[in-house]
């Protein structure tokens, strides 16, 4: 099950997010969605705090 969470970003945050998307595309061969990048970043943050899933 997935739950939607709305996130508001500044214009600069969106530009930075898009830059990360392009970097991932160069490494992996396809452009991930903004949502995919946000999910990956959130997952890494949660892992860094060692929170059990």
PDB file of N, CA and C in Angstrom:
ATOM      1  N   UNK A   1       0.840  -1.178   0.000  1.00  0.00           N
ATOM      2  CA  UNK A   1       0.000   0.000   0.000  1.00  0.00           C
ATOM      3  C   UNK A   1       0.889   1.247   0.000  1.00  0.00           C
ATOM      4  N   UNK A   2       0.507   2.221  -0.769  1.00  0.00           N
ATOM      5  CA  UNK A   2       1.234   3.481  -0.819  1.00  0.00           C
ATOM      6  C   UNK A   2       0.326   4.589  -0.318  1.00  0.00           C
ATOM      7  N   UNK A   3       0.911   5.539   0.377  1.00  0.00           N
ATOM      8  CA  UNK A   3       0.211   6.717   0.849  1.00  0.00           C
ATOM      9  C   UNK A   3       0.857   7.933   0.212  1.00  0.00           C
ATOM     10  N   UNK A   4       0.061   8.838  -0.258  1.00  0.00           N
ATOM     11  CA  UNK A   4       0.590  10.044  -0.877  1.00  0.00           C
ATOM     12  C   UNK A   4       0.903  11.079   0.188  1.00  0.00           C
ATOM     13  N   UNK A   5       2.075  11.712   0.046  1.00  0.00           N
ATOM     14  CA  UNK A   5       2.491  12.790   0.937  1.00  0.00           C
ATOM     15  C   UNK A   5       2.852  13.978   0.058  1.00  0.00           C
ATOM     16  N   UNK A   6       2.238  15.105   0.318  1.00  0.00           N
ATOM     17  CA  UNK A   6       2.534  16.312  -0.459  1.00  0.00           C
ATOM     18  C   UNK A   6       3.731  17.033   0.140  1.00  0.00           C
ATOM     19  N   UNK A   7       4.646  17.458  -0.733  1.00  0.00           N
ATOM     20  CA  UNK A   7       5.850  18.151  -0.303  1.00  0.00           C
ATOM     21  C   UNK A   7       5.966  19.434  -1.115  1.00  0.00           C
ATOM     22  N   UNK A   8       6.205  20.522  -0.435  1.00  0.00           N
ATOM     23  CA  UNK A   8       6.410  21.798  -1.126  1.00  0.00           C
ATOM     24  C   UNK A   8       7.901  22.089  -1.171  1.00  0.00           C
ATOM     25  N   UNK A   9       8.373  22.431  -2.369  1.00  0.00           N
ATOM     26  CA  UNK A   9       9.794  22.705  -2.569  1.00  0.00           C
ATOM     27  C   UNK A   9       9.981  24.109  -3.125  1.00  0.00           C
ATOM     28  N   UNK A  10      11.113  24.702  -2.800  1.00  0.00           N
ATOM     29  CA  UNK A  10      11.446  25.993  -3.400  1.00  0.00           C
ATOM     30  C   UNK A  10      11.829  25.776  -4.864  1.00  0.00           C
ATOM     31  N   UNK A  11      11.860  26.858  -5.616  1.00  0.00           N
ATOM     32  CA  UNK A  11      12.289  26.756  -7.012  1.00  0.00           C
ATOM     33  C   UNK A  11      13.701  26.192  -7.103  1.00  0.00           C
ATOM     34  N   UNK A  12      14.570  26.609  -6.175  1.00  0.00           N
ATOM     35  CA  UNK A  12      15.950  26.109  -6.189  1.00  0.00           C
ATOM     36  C   UNK A  12      16.000  24.619  -5.878  1.00  0.00           C
ATOM     37  N   UNK A  13      15.171  24.172  -4.934  1.00  0.00           N
ATOM     38  CA  UNK A  13      15.127  22.741  -4.613  1.00  0.00           C
ATOM     39  C   UNK A  13      14.718  21.930  -5.839  1.00  0.00           C
ATOM     40  N   UNK A  14      13.766  22.429  -6.609  1.00  0.00           N
ATOM     41  CA  UNK A  14      13.315  21.719  -7.815  1.00  0.00           C
ATOM     42  C   UNK A  14      14.440  21.689  -8.851  1.00  0.00           C
ATOM     43  N   UNK A  15      15.161  22.790  -8.994  1.00  0.00           N
ATOM     44  CA  UNK A  15      16.297  22.812  -9.931  1.00  0.00           C
ATOM     45  C   UNK A  15      17.350  21.802  -9.504  1.00  0.00           C
ATOM     46  N   UNK A  16      17.632  21.759  -8.193  1.00  0.00           N
ATOM     47  CA  UNK A  16      18.620  20.807  -7.680  1.00  0.00           C
ATOM     48  C   UNK A  16      18.137  19.369  -7.878  1.00  0.00           C
ATOM     49  N   UNK A  17      16.875  19.139  -7.633  1.00  0.00           N
ATOM     50  CA  UNK A  17      16.280  17.814  -7.817  1.00  0.00           C
ATOM     51  C   UNK A  17      16.403  17.380  -9.274  1.00  0.00           C
ATOM     52  N   UNK A  18      16.118  18.289 -10.192  1.00  0.00           N
ATOM     53  CA  UNK A  18      16.235  17.968 -11.619  1.00  0.00           C
ATOM     54  C   UNK A  18      17.680  17.703 -12.017  1.00  0.00           C
ATOM     55  N   UNK A  19      18.625  18.419 -11.403  1.00  0.00           N
ATOM     56  CA  UNK A  19      20.044  18.174 -11.687  1.00  0.00           C
ATOM     57  C   UNK A  19      20.428  16.767 -11.226  1.00  0.00           C
ATOM     58  N   UNK A  20      19.928  16.357 -10.084  1.00  0.00           N
ATOM     59  CA  UNK A  20      20.193  14.999  -9.590  1.00  0.00           C
ATOM     60  C   UNK A  20      19.585  13.975 -10.542  1.00  0.00           C
ATOM     61  N   UNK A  21      18.388  14.249 -11.034  1.00  0.00           N
ATOM     62  CA  UNK A  21      17.743  13.339 -11.978  1.00  0.00           C
ATOM     63  C   UNK A  21      18.605  13.134 -13.212  1.00  0.00           C
ATOM     64  N   UNK A  22      19.190  14.216 -13.726  1.00  0.00           N
ATOM     65  CA  UNK A  22      20.026  14.116 -14.920  1.00  0.00           C
ATOM     66  C   UNK A  22      21.307  13.344 -14.613  1.00  0.00           C
ATOM     67  N   UNK A  23      21.848  13.534 -13.431  1.00  0.00           N
ATOM     68  CA  UNK A  23      23.061  12.802 -13.042  1.00  0.00           C
ATOM     69  C   UNK A  23      22.757  11.301 -12.949  1.00  0.00           C
ATOM     70  N   UNK A  24      21.614  10.965 -12.357  1.00  0.00           N
ATOM     71  CA  UNK A  24      21.199   9.557 -12.265  1.00  0.00           C
ATOM     72  C   UNK A  24      20.994   8.991 -13.671  1.00  0.00           C
ATOM     73  N   UNK A  25      20.400   9.780 -14.557  1.00  0.00           N
ATOM     74  CA  UNK A  25      20.157   9.319 -15.931  1.00  0.00           C
ATOM     75  C   UNK A  25      21.469   8.983 -16.627  1.00  0.00           C
ATOM     76  N   UNK A  26      22.512   9.781 -16.398  1.00  0.00           N
ATOM     77  CA  UNK A  26      23.820   9.508 -17.002  1.00  0.00           C
ATOM     78  C   UNK A  26      24.398   8.196 -16.474  1.00  0.00           C
ATOM     79  N   UNK A  27      24.168   7.926 -15.197  1.00  0.00           N
ATOM     80  CA  UNK A  27      24.724   6.724 -14.573  1.00  0.00           C
ATOM     81  C   UNK A  27      23.899   5.473 -14.873  1.00  0.00           C
ATOM     82  N   UNK A  28      22.574   5.624 -14.926  1.00  0.00           N
ATOM     83  CA  UNK A  28      21.692   4.459 -15.023  1.00  0.00           C
ATOM     84  C   UNK A  28      20.991   4.314 -16.364  1.00  0.00           C
ATOM     85  N   UNK A  29      21.055   5.338 -17.203  1.00  0.00           N
ATOM     86  CA  UNK A  29      20.510   5.215 -18.550  1.00  0.00           C
ATOM     87  C   UNK A  29      19.072   5.655 -18.741  1.00  0.00           C
ATOM     88  N   UNK A  30      18.363   5.982 -17.672  1.00  0.00           N
ATOM     89  CA  UNK A  30      17.004   6.505 -17.828  1.00  0.00           C
ATOM     90  C   UNK A  30      16.755   7.560 -16.758  1.00  0.00           C
ATOM     91  N   UNK A  31      15.890   8.505 -17.096  1.00  0.00           N
ATOM     92  CA  UNK A  31      15.617   9.616 -16.190  1.00  0.00           C
ATOM     93  C   UNK A  31      14.540   9.188 -15.181  1.00  0.00           C
ATOM     94  N   UNK A  32      14.875   9.185 -13.889  1.00  0.00           N
ATOM     95  CA  UNK A  32      13.870   8.842 -12.890  1.00  0.00           C
ATOM     96  C   UNK A  32      12.891  10.005 -12.703  1.00  0.00           C
ATOM     97  N   UNK A  33      11.719   9.713 -12.223  1.00  0.00           N
ATOM     98  CA  UNK A  33      10.762  10.772 -11.927  1.00  0.00           C
ATOM     99  C   UNK A  33      11.233  11.545 -10.706  1.00  0.00           C
ATOM    100  N   UNK A  34      10.684  12.721 -10.543  1.00  0.00           N
ATOM    101  CA  UNK A  34      10.994  13.491  -9.330  1.00  0.00           C
ATOM    102  C   UNK A  34      10.587  12.693  -8.095  1.00  0.00           C
ATOM    103  N   UNK A  35       9.430  12.069  -8.171  1.00  0.00           N
ATOM    104  CA  UNK A  35       8.958  11.271  -7.031  1.00  0.00           C
ATOM    105  C   UNK A  35       9.921  10.142  -6.702  1.00  0.00           C
ATOM    106  N   UNK A  36      10.454   9.486  -7.726  1.00  0.00           N
ATOM    107  CA  UNK A  36      11.416   8.405  -7.488  1.00  0.00           C
ATOM    108  C   UNK A  36      12.652   8.910  -6.764  1.00  0.00           C
ATOM    109  N   UNK A  37      13.142  10.078  -7.161  1.00  0.00           N
ATOM    110  CA  UNK A  37      14.341  10.637  -6.529  1.00  0.00           C
ATOM    111  C   UNK A  37      14.045  11.018  -5.083  1.00  0.00           C
ATOM    112  N   UNK A  38      12.888  11.615  -4.846  1.00  0.00           N
ATOM    113  CA  UNK A  38      12.513  11.979  -3.472  1.00  0.00           C
ATOM    114  C   UNK A  38      12.382  10.718  -2.617  1.00  0.00           C
ATOM    115  N   UNK A  39      11.783   9.666  -3.167  1.00  0.00           N
ATOM    116  CA  UNK A  39      11.662   8.406  -2.412  1.00  0.00           C
ATOM    117  C   UNK A  39      13.028   7.826  -2.070  1.00  0.00           C
ATOM    118  N   UNK A  40      13.950   7.847  -3.048  1.00  0.00           N
ATOM    119  CA  UNK A  40      15.308   7.335  -2.794  1.00  0.00           C
ATOM    120  C   UNK A  40      15.998   8.149  -1.706  1.00  0.00           C
ATOM    121  N   UNK A  41      15.856   9.463  -1.776  1.00  0.00           N
ATOM    122  CA  UNK A  41      16.500  10.329  -0.785  1.00  0.00           C
ATOM    123  C   UNK A  41      15.916  10.081   0.601  1.00  0.00           C
ATOM    124  N   UNK A  42      14.615   9.933   0.670  1.00  0.00           N
ATOM    125  CA  UNK A  42      13.959   9.668   1.952  1.00  0.00           C
ATOM    126  C   UNK A  42      14.400   8.323   2.510  1.00  0.00           C
ATOM    127  N   UNK A  43      14.501   7.326   1.655  1.00  0.00           N
ATOM    128  CA  UNK A  43      14.952   6.005   2.085  1.00  0.00           C
ATOM    129  C   UNK A  43      16.368   6.077   2.662  1.00  0.00           C
ATOM    130  N   UNK A  44      17.248   6.820   2.002  1.00  0.00           N
ATOM    131  CA  UNK A  44      18.620   6.976   2.494  1.00  0.00           C
ATOM    132  C   UNK A  44      18.644   7.714   3.836  1.00  0.00           C
ATOM    133  N   UNK A  45      17.802   8.713   3.977  1.00  0.00           N
ATOM    134  CA  UNK A  45      17.726   9.445   5.244  1.00  0.00           C
ATOM    135  C   UNK A  45      17.272   8.521   6.369  1.00  0.00           C
ATOM    136  N   UNK A  46      16.246   7.749   6.105  1.00  0.00           N
ATOM    137  CA  UNK A  46      15.732   6.820   7.111  1.00  0.00           C
ATOM    138  C   UNK A  46      16.815   5.808   7.477  1.00  0.00           C
ATOM    139  N   UNK A  47      17.532   5.281   6.483  1.00  0.00           N
ATOM    140  CA  UNK A  47      18.614   4.329   6.754  1.00  0.00           C
ATOM    141  C   UNK A  47      19.702   4.972   7.610  1.00  0.00           C
ATOM    142  N   UNK A  48      19.988   6.242   7.378  1.00  0.00           N
ATOM    143  CA  UNK A  48      21.057   6.914   8.131  1.00  0.00           C
ATOM    144  C   UNK A  48      20.700   7.052   9.606  1.00  0.00           C
ATOM    145  N   UNK A  49      19.422   7.053   9.910  1.00  0.00           N
ATOM    146  CA  UNK A  49      18.974   7.104  11.303  1.00  0.00           C
ATOM    147  C   UNK A  49      18.713   5.720  11.864  1.00  0.00           C
ATOM    148  N   UNK A  50      18.957   4.693  11.047  1.00  0.00           N
ATOM    149  CA  UNK A  50      18.794   3.304  11.454  1.00  0.00           C
ATOM    150  C   UNK A  50      17.405   3.029  12.028  1.00  0.00           C
ATOM    151  N   UNK A  51      16.394   3.548  11.351  1.00  0.00           N
ATOM    152  CA  UNK A  51      15.007   3.320  11.757  1.00  0.00           C
ATOM    153  C   UNK A  51      14.539   2.023  11.142  1.00  0.00           C
ATOM    154  N   UNK A  52      13.990   1.167  11.948  1.00  0.00           N
ATOM    155  CA  UNK A  52      13.486  -0.129  11.482  1.00  0.00           C
ATOM    156  C   UNK A  52      12.250   0.078  10.619  1.00  0.00           C
ATOM    157  N   UNK A  53      12.145  -0.710   9.574  1.00  0.00           N
ATOM    158  CA  UNK A  53      10.946  -0.658   8.716  1.00  0.00           C
ATOM    159  C   UNK A  53      10.020  -1.781   9.077  1.00  0.00           C
TER     160      UNK A  53
END
